[in-house]
Amino acid sequence: MVSLAVCRDHPNNYNAHPEGQIEDLRLSLRKFGQVRSIVVQDDGADGYLIVAGHGLTDAARLEGFEELRADVIPVDWPAVKVLAYLAADNELARQGTPDDAQLAAICAQVKEEADAELAKLAAGTEERLRELEALVAGQNGDGEDQGP
């Protein structure tokens, strides 16, 4: 666990975290707690540089968290290796290709068995949840003709 009071953002973090994403991350923390660690580098002076998890850290601070579980990169990693990890963590995650039908089924199950907030989190956004619900409706013959 690392104290958020001694964590600072990496100056080269290139991912913006819009207000809507931070609100969703706050909701995620309320619904799930912290499931995944952030990644920080020990700065060698009783502090930490955030390398992965900037948005989650912002959301946690707004939720009143004082500390988060973190995987710690050693202080002796060269700055360029830390920078490469920061970018790789973001970009490797973007390479996934979702199966919309399977995600739609998951969201429908979550909404039915749990609640709409969890279904929205599972879909990513309220708009995406509506798109997935329309996909399910089309597959069930409940929607308009979807074409060939």
C-alpha atoms as a PDB file:
ATOM      1  CA  MET A   1       0.000   0.000   0.000  1.00  0.00           C
ATOM      2  CA  VAL A   2       1.234   3.469  -0.830  1.00  0.00           C
ATOM      3  CA  SER A   3       0.060   6.733   0.631  1.00  0.00           C
ATOM      4  CA  LEU A   4      -1.596   8.947  -1.982  1.00  0.00           C
ATOM      5  CA  ALA A   5      -0.112  11.941  -0.183  1.00  0.00           C
ATOM      6  CA  VAL A   6       3.342  10.980  -1.489  1.00  0.00           C
ATOM      7  CA  CYS A   7       2.299   9.966  -5.023  1.00  0.00           C
ATOM      8  CA  ARG A   8       2.764  12.341  -7.923  1.00  0.00           C
ATOM      9  CA  ASP A   9       1.699  12.067 -11.556  1.00  0.00           C
ATOM     10  CA  HIS A  10       4.271  11.098 -14.142  1.00  0.00           C
ATOM     11  CA  PRO A  11       5.020  14.310 -16.076  1.00  0.00           C
ATOM     12  CA  ASN A  12       4.833  12.434 -19.404  1.00  0.00           C
ATOM     13  CA  ASN A  13       1.449  10.800 -18.836  1.00  0.00           C
ATOM     14  CA  TYR A  14      -0.244  11.432 -22.190  1.00  0.00           C
ATOM     15  CA  ASN A  15      -3.673  10.004 -21.367  1.00  0.00           C
ATOM     16  CA  ALA A  16      -6.246  12.609 -20.395  1.00  0.00           C
ATOM     17  CA  HIS A  17      -8.900  11.499 -17.930  1.00  0.00           C
ATOM     18  CA  PRO A  18     -12.100  13.403 -18.626  1.00  0.00           C
ATOM     19  CA  GLU A  19     -14.603  14.099 -15.874  1.00  0.00           C
ATOM     20  CA  GLY A  20     -16.964  11.365 -17.094  1.00  0.00           C
ATOM     21  CA  GLN A  21     -14.236   8.730 -16.883  1.00  0.00           C
ATOM     22  CA  ILE A  22     -13.255   9.863 -13.392  1.00  0.00           C
ATOM     23  CA  GLU A  23     -16.902   9.640 -12.296  1.00  0.00           C
ATOM     24  CA  ASP A  24     -17.090   6.104 -13.717  1.00  0.00           C
ATOM     25  CA  LEU A  25     -13.874   5.172 -11.924  1.00  0.00           C
ATOM     26  CA  ARG A  26     -15.325   6.567  -8.697  1.00  0.00           C
ATOM     27  CA  LEU A  27     -18.421   4.426  -9.215  1.00  0.00           C
ATOM     28  CA  SER A  28     -16.185   1.440  -9.926  1.00  0.00           C
ATOM     29  CA  LEU A  29     -14.333   1.998  -6.655  1.00  0.00           C
ATOM     30  CA  ARG A  30     -17.639   2.213  -4.770  1.00  0.00           C
ATOM     31  CA  LYS A  31     -19.027  -0.935  -6.423  1.00  0.00           C
ATOM     32  CA  PHE A  32     -15.893  -3.110  -6.561  1.00  0.00           C
ATOM     33  CA  GLY A  33     -13.297  -1.486  -4.322  1.00  0.00           C
ATOM     34  CA  GLN A  34      -9.715  -1.499  -5.584  1.00  0.00           C
ATOM     35  CA  VAL A  35      -9.327  -4.749  -7.502  1.00  0.00           C
ATOM     36  CA  ARG A  36      -6.245  -3.928  -9.568  1.00  0.00           C
ATOM     37  CA  SER A  37      -3.050  -2.299  -8.322  1.00  0.00           C
ATOM     38  CA  ILE A  38      -1.698   0.938  -9.665  1.00  0.00           C
ATOM     39  CA  VAL A  39       1.941   0.977 -10.764  1.00  0.00           C
ATOM     40  CA  VAL A  40       4.369   3.429  -9.228  1.00  0.00           C
ATOM     41  CA  GLN A  41       8.102   3.927  -9.167  1.00  0.00           C
ATOM     42  CA  ASP A  42       9.887   4.475  -5.900  1.00  0.00           C
ATOM     43  CA  ASP A  43      11.516   7.895  -6.255  1.00  0.00           C
ATOM     44  CA  GLY A  44      14.198   7.125  -3.656  1.00  0.00           C
ATOM     45  CA  ALA A  45      13.044  10.022  -1.457  1.00  0.00           C
ATOM     46  CA  ASP A  46      10.023   8.533   0.347  1.00  0.00           C
ATOM     47  CA  GLY A  47       7.697   9.245  -2.564  1.00  0.00           C
ATOM     48  CA  TYR A  48       6.304   7.575  -5.656  1.00  0.00           C
ATOM     49  CA  LEU A  49       5.891   8.486  -9.296  1.00  0.00           C
ATOM     50  CA  ILE A  50       2.614   7.180 -10.752  1.00  0.00           C
ATOM     51  CA  VAL A  51       3.357   5.157 -13.903  1.00  0.00           C
ATOM     52  CA  ALA A  52       0.009   3.411 -14.489  1.00  0.00           C
ATOM     53  CA  GLY A  53      -3.301   4.205 -12.844  1.00  0.00           C
ATOM     54  CA  HIS A  54      -3.427   7.990 -13.010  1.00  0.00           C
ATOM     55  CA  GLY A  55      -7.204   8.076 -13.513  1.00  0.00           C
ATOM     56  CA  LEU A  56      -7.847   5.554 -10.763  1.00  0.00           C
ATOM     57  CA  THR A  57      -5.623   7.546  -8.421  1.00  0.00           C
ATOM     58  CA  ASP A  58      -7.552  10.749  -9.171  1.00  0.00           C
ATOM     59  CA  ALA A  59     -10.847   8.944  -8.558  1.00  0.00           C
ATOM     60  CA  ALA A  60      -9.561   7.400  -5.320  1.00  0.00           C
ATOM     61  CA  ARG A  61      -8.505  10.788  -4.012  1.00  0.00           C
ATOM     62  CA  LEU A  62     -11.975  12.179  -4.762  1.00  0.00           C
ATOM     63  CA  GLU A  63     -13.506   9.191  -2.967  1.00  0.00           C
ATOM     64  CA  GLY A  64     -11.432   9.948   0.125  1.00  0.00           C
ATOM     65  CA  PHE A  65      -8.950   7.086  -0.181  1.00  0.00           C
ATOM     66  CA  GLU A  66      -5.705   7.768   1.631  1.00  0.00           C
ATOM     67  CA  GLU A  67      -3.767   4.854   0.140  1.00  0.00           C
ATOM     68  CA  LEU A  68      -3.907   2.380  -2.716  1.00  0.00           C
ATOM     69  CA  ARG A  69      -2.380  -1.000  -3.361  1.00  0.00           C
ATOM     70  CA  ALA A  70       0.528  -0.586  -5.770  1.00  0.00           C
ATOM     71  CA  ASP A  71       3.081  -2.584  -7.659  1.00  0.00           C
ATOM     72  CA  VAL A  72       6.357  -0.766  -7.172  1.00  0.00           C
ATOM     73  CA  ILE A  73       8.975  -0.374  -9.893  1.00  0.00           C
ATOM     74  CA  PRO A  74      12.432  -0.221  -8.323  1.00  0.00           C
ATOM     75  CA  VAL A  75      14.149   3.125  -8.029  1.00  0.00           C
ATOM     76  CA  ASP A  76      17.041   1.872 -10.184  1.00  0.00           C
ATOM     77  CA  TRP A  77      14.982   1.445 -13.373  1.00  0.00           C
ATOM     78  CA  PRO A  78      16.198   3.998 -15.931  1.00  0.00           C
ATOM     79  CA  ALA A  79      13.745   6.814 -16.665  1.00  0.00           C
ATOM     80  CA  VAL A  80      13.437   5.703 -20.298  1.00  0.00           C
ATOM     81  CA  LYS A  81      12.410   2.177 -19.243  1.00  0.00           C
ATOM     82  CA  VAL A  82       9.750   3.626 -16.926  1.00  0.00           C
ATOM     83  CA  LEU A  83       8.528   5.841 -19.766  1.00  0.00           C
ATOM     84  CA  ALA A  84       8.371   2.856 -22.116  1.00  0.00           C
ATOM     85  CA  TYR A  85       6.358   0.917 -19.515  1.00  0.00           C
ATOM     86  CA  LEU A  86       3.931   3.824 -19.124  1.00  0.00           C
ATOM     87  CA  ALA A  87       3.269   3.858 -22.870  1.00  0.00           C
ATOM     88  CA  ALA A  88       3.237   0.065 -23.251  1.00  0.00           C
ATOM     89  CA  ASP A  89       0.704  -0.321 -20.425  1.00  0.00           C
ATOM     90  CA  ASN A  90      -1.669   2.031 -22.265  1.00  0.00           C
ATOM     91  CA  GLU A  91      -1.059   0.866 -25.805  1.00  0.00           C
ATOM     92  CA  LEU A  92      -1.030  -2.898 -25.260  1.00  0.00           C
ATOM     93  CA  ALA A  93      -4.461  -2.622 -23.630  1.00  0.00           C
ATOM     94  CA  ARG A  94      -5.803  -0.894 -26.761  1.00  0.00           C
ATOM     95  CA  GLN A  95      -4.890  -3.880 -28.949  1.00  0.00           C
ATOM     96  CA  GLY A  96      -7.745  -6.020 -27.680  1.00  0.00           C
ATOM     97  CA  THR A  97     -10.753  -6.590 -29.927  1.00  0.00           C
ATOM     98  CA  PRO A  98     -14.055  -6.937 -28.103  1.00  0.00           C
ATOM     99  CA  ASP A  99     -16.688  -9.487 -29.076  1.00  0.00           C
ATOM    100  CA  ASP A 100     -19.737  -7.196 -29.006  1.00  0.00           C
ATOM    101  CA  ALA A 101     -22.241 -10.052 -28.883  1.00  0.00           C
ATOM    102  CA  GLN A 102     -20.544 -11.611 -25.870  1.00  0.00           C
ATOM    103  CA  LEU A 103     -20.207  -8.229 -24.129  1.00  0.00           C
ATOM    104  CA  ALA A 104     -23.882  -7.497 -24.841  1.00  0.00           C
ATOM    105  CA  ALA A 105     -24.851 -10.817 -23.238  1.00  0.00           C
ATOM    106  CA  ILE A 106     -22.692 -10.071 -20.192  1.00  0.00           C
ATOM    107  CA  CYS A 107     -24.226  -6.616 -19.779  1.00  0.00           C
ATOM    108  CA  ALA A 108     -27.756  -8.003 -20.110  1.00  0.00           C
ATOM    109  CA  GLN A 109     -27.033 -10.640 -17.455  1.00  0.00           C
ATOM    110  CA  VAL A 110     -25.472  -8.087 -15.109  1.00  0.00           C
ATOM    111  CA  LYS A 111     -28.401  -5.704 -15.538  1.00  0.00           C
ATOM    112  CA  GLU A 112     -30.922  -8.486 -14.928  1.00  0.00           C
ATOM    113  CA  GLU A 113     -29.171 -10.107 -11.974  1.00  0.00           C
ATOM    114  CA  ALA A 114     -27.554  -7.067 -10.338  1.00  0.00           C
ATOM    115  CA  ASP A 115     -28.292  -3.495 -11.396  1.00  0.00           C
ATOM    116  CA  ALA A 116     -28.058  -0.944 -14.177  1.00  0.00           C
ATOM    117  CA  GLU A 117     -25.031   0.817 -12.648  1.00  0.00           C
ATOM    118  CA  LEU A 118     -22.972  -2.353 -12.821  1.00  0.00           C
ATOM    119  CA  ALA A 119     -24.203  -2.993 -16.381  1.00  0.00           C
ATOM    120  CA  LYS A 120     -23.075   0.523 -17.354  1.00  0.00           C
ATOM    121  CA  LEU A 121     -19.654  -0.097 -15.831  1.00  0.00           C
ATOM    122  CA  ALA A 122     -19.431  -3.412 -17.692  1.00  0.00           C
ATOM    123  CA  ALA A 123     -20.285  -1.675 -20.980  1.00  0.00           C
ATOM    124  CA  GLY A 124     -17.964   1.262 -20.351  1.00  0.00           C
ATOM    125  CA  THR A 125     -20.499   4.074 -20.857  1.00  0.00           C
ATOM    126  CA  GLU A 126     -24.249   4.573 -20.798  1.00  0.00           C
ATOM    127  CA  GLU A 127     -24.201   5.132 -24.570  1.00  0.00           C
ATOM    128  CA  ARG A 128     -22.282   1.897 -25.146  1.00  0.00           C
ATOM    129  CA  LEU A 129     -24.752   0.037 -22.926  1.00  0.00           C
ATOM    130  CA  ARG A 130     -27.632   1.311 -25.096  1.00  0.00           C
ATOM    131  CA  GLU A 131     -25.784   0.172 -28.251  1.00  0.00           C
ATOM    132  CA  LEU A 132     -25.257  -3.279 -26.765  1.00  0.00           C
ATOM    133  CA  GLU A 133     -28.884  -3.500 -25.645  1.00  0.00           C
ATOM    134  CA  ALA A 134     -29.952  -2.636 -29.206  1.00  0.00           C
ATOM    135  CA  LEU A 135     -27.671  -5.406 -30.484  1.00  0.00           C
ATOM    136  CA  VAL A 136     -29.329  -7.929 -28.174  1.00  0.00           C
ATOM    137  CA  ALA A 137     -32.795  -6.684 -29.175  1.00  0.00           C
ATOM    138  CA  GLY A 138     -31.860  -7.079 -32.861  1.00  0.00           C
ATOM    139  CA  GLN A 139     -30.602 -10.620 -32.289  1.00  0.00           C
ATOM    140  CA  ASN A 140     -33.812 -11.515 -30.481  1.00  0.00           C
ATOM    141  CA  GLY A 141     -35.947 -10.112 -33.268  1.00  0.00           C
ATOM    142  CA  ASP A 142     -37.199  -7.337 -30.999  1.00  0.00           C
ATOM    143  CA  GLY A 143     -35.570  -4.510 -32.911  1.00  0.00           C
ATOM    144  CA  GLU A 144     -35.932  -3.138 -36.371  1.00  0.00           C
ATOM    145  CA  ASP A 145     -34.653  -5.088 -39.346  1.00  0.00           C
ATOM    146  CA  GLN A 146     -30.874  -5.072 -39.054  1.00  0.00           C
ATOM    147  CA  GLY A 147     -30.298  -5.906 -42.723  1.00  0.00           C
ATOM    148  CA  PRO A 148     -28.244  -8.766 -44.177  1.00  0.00           C
END
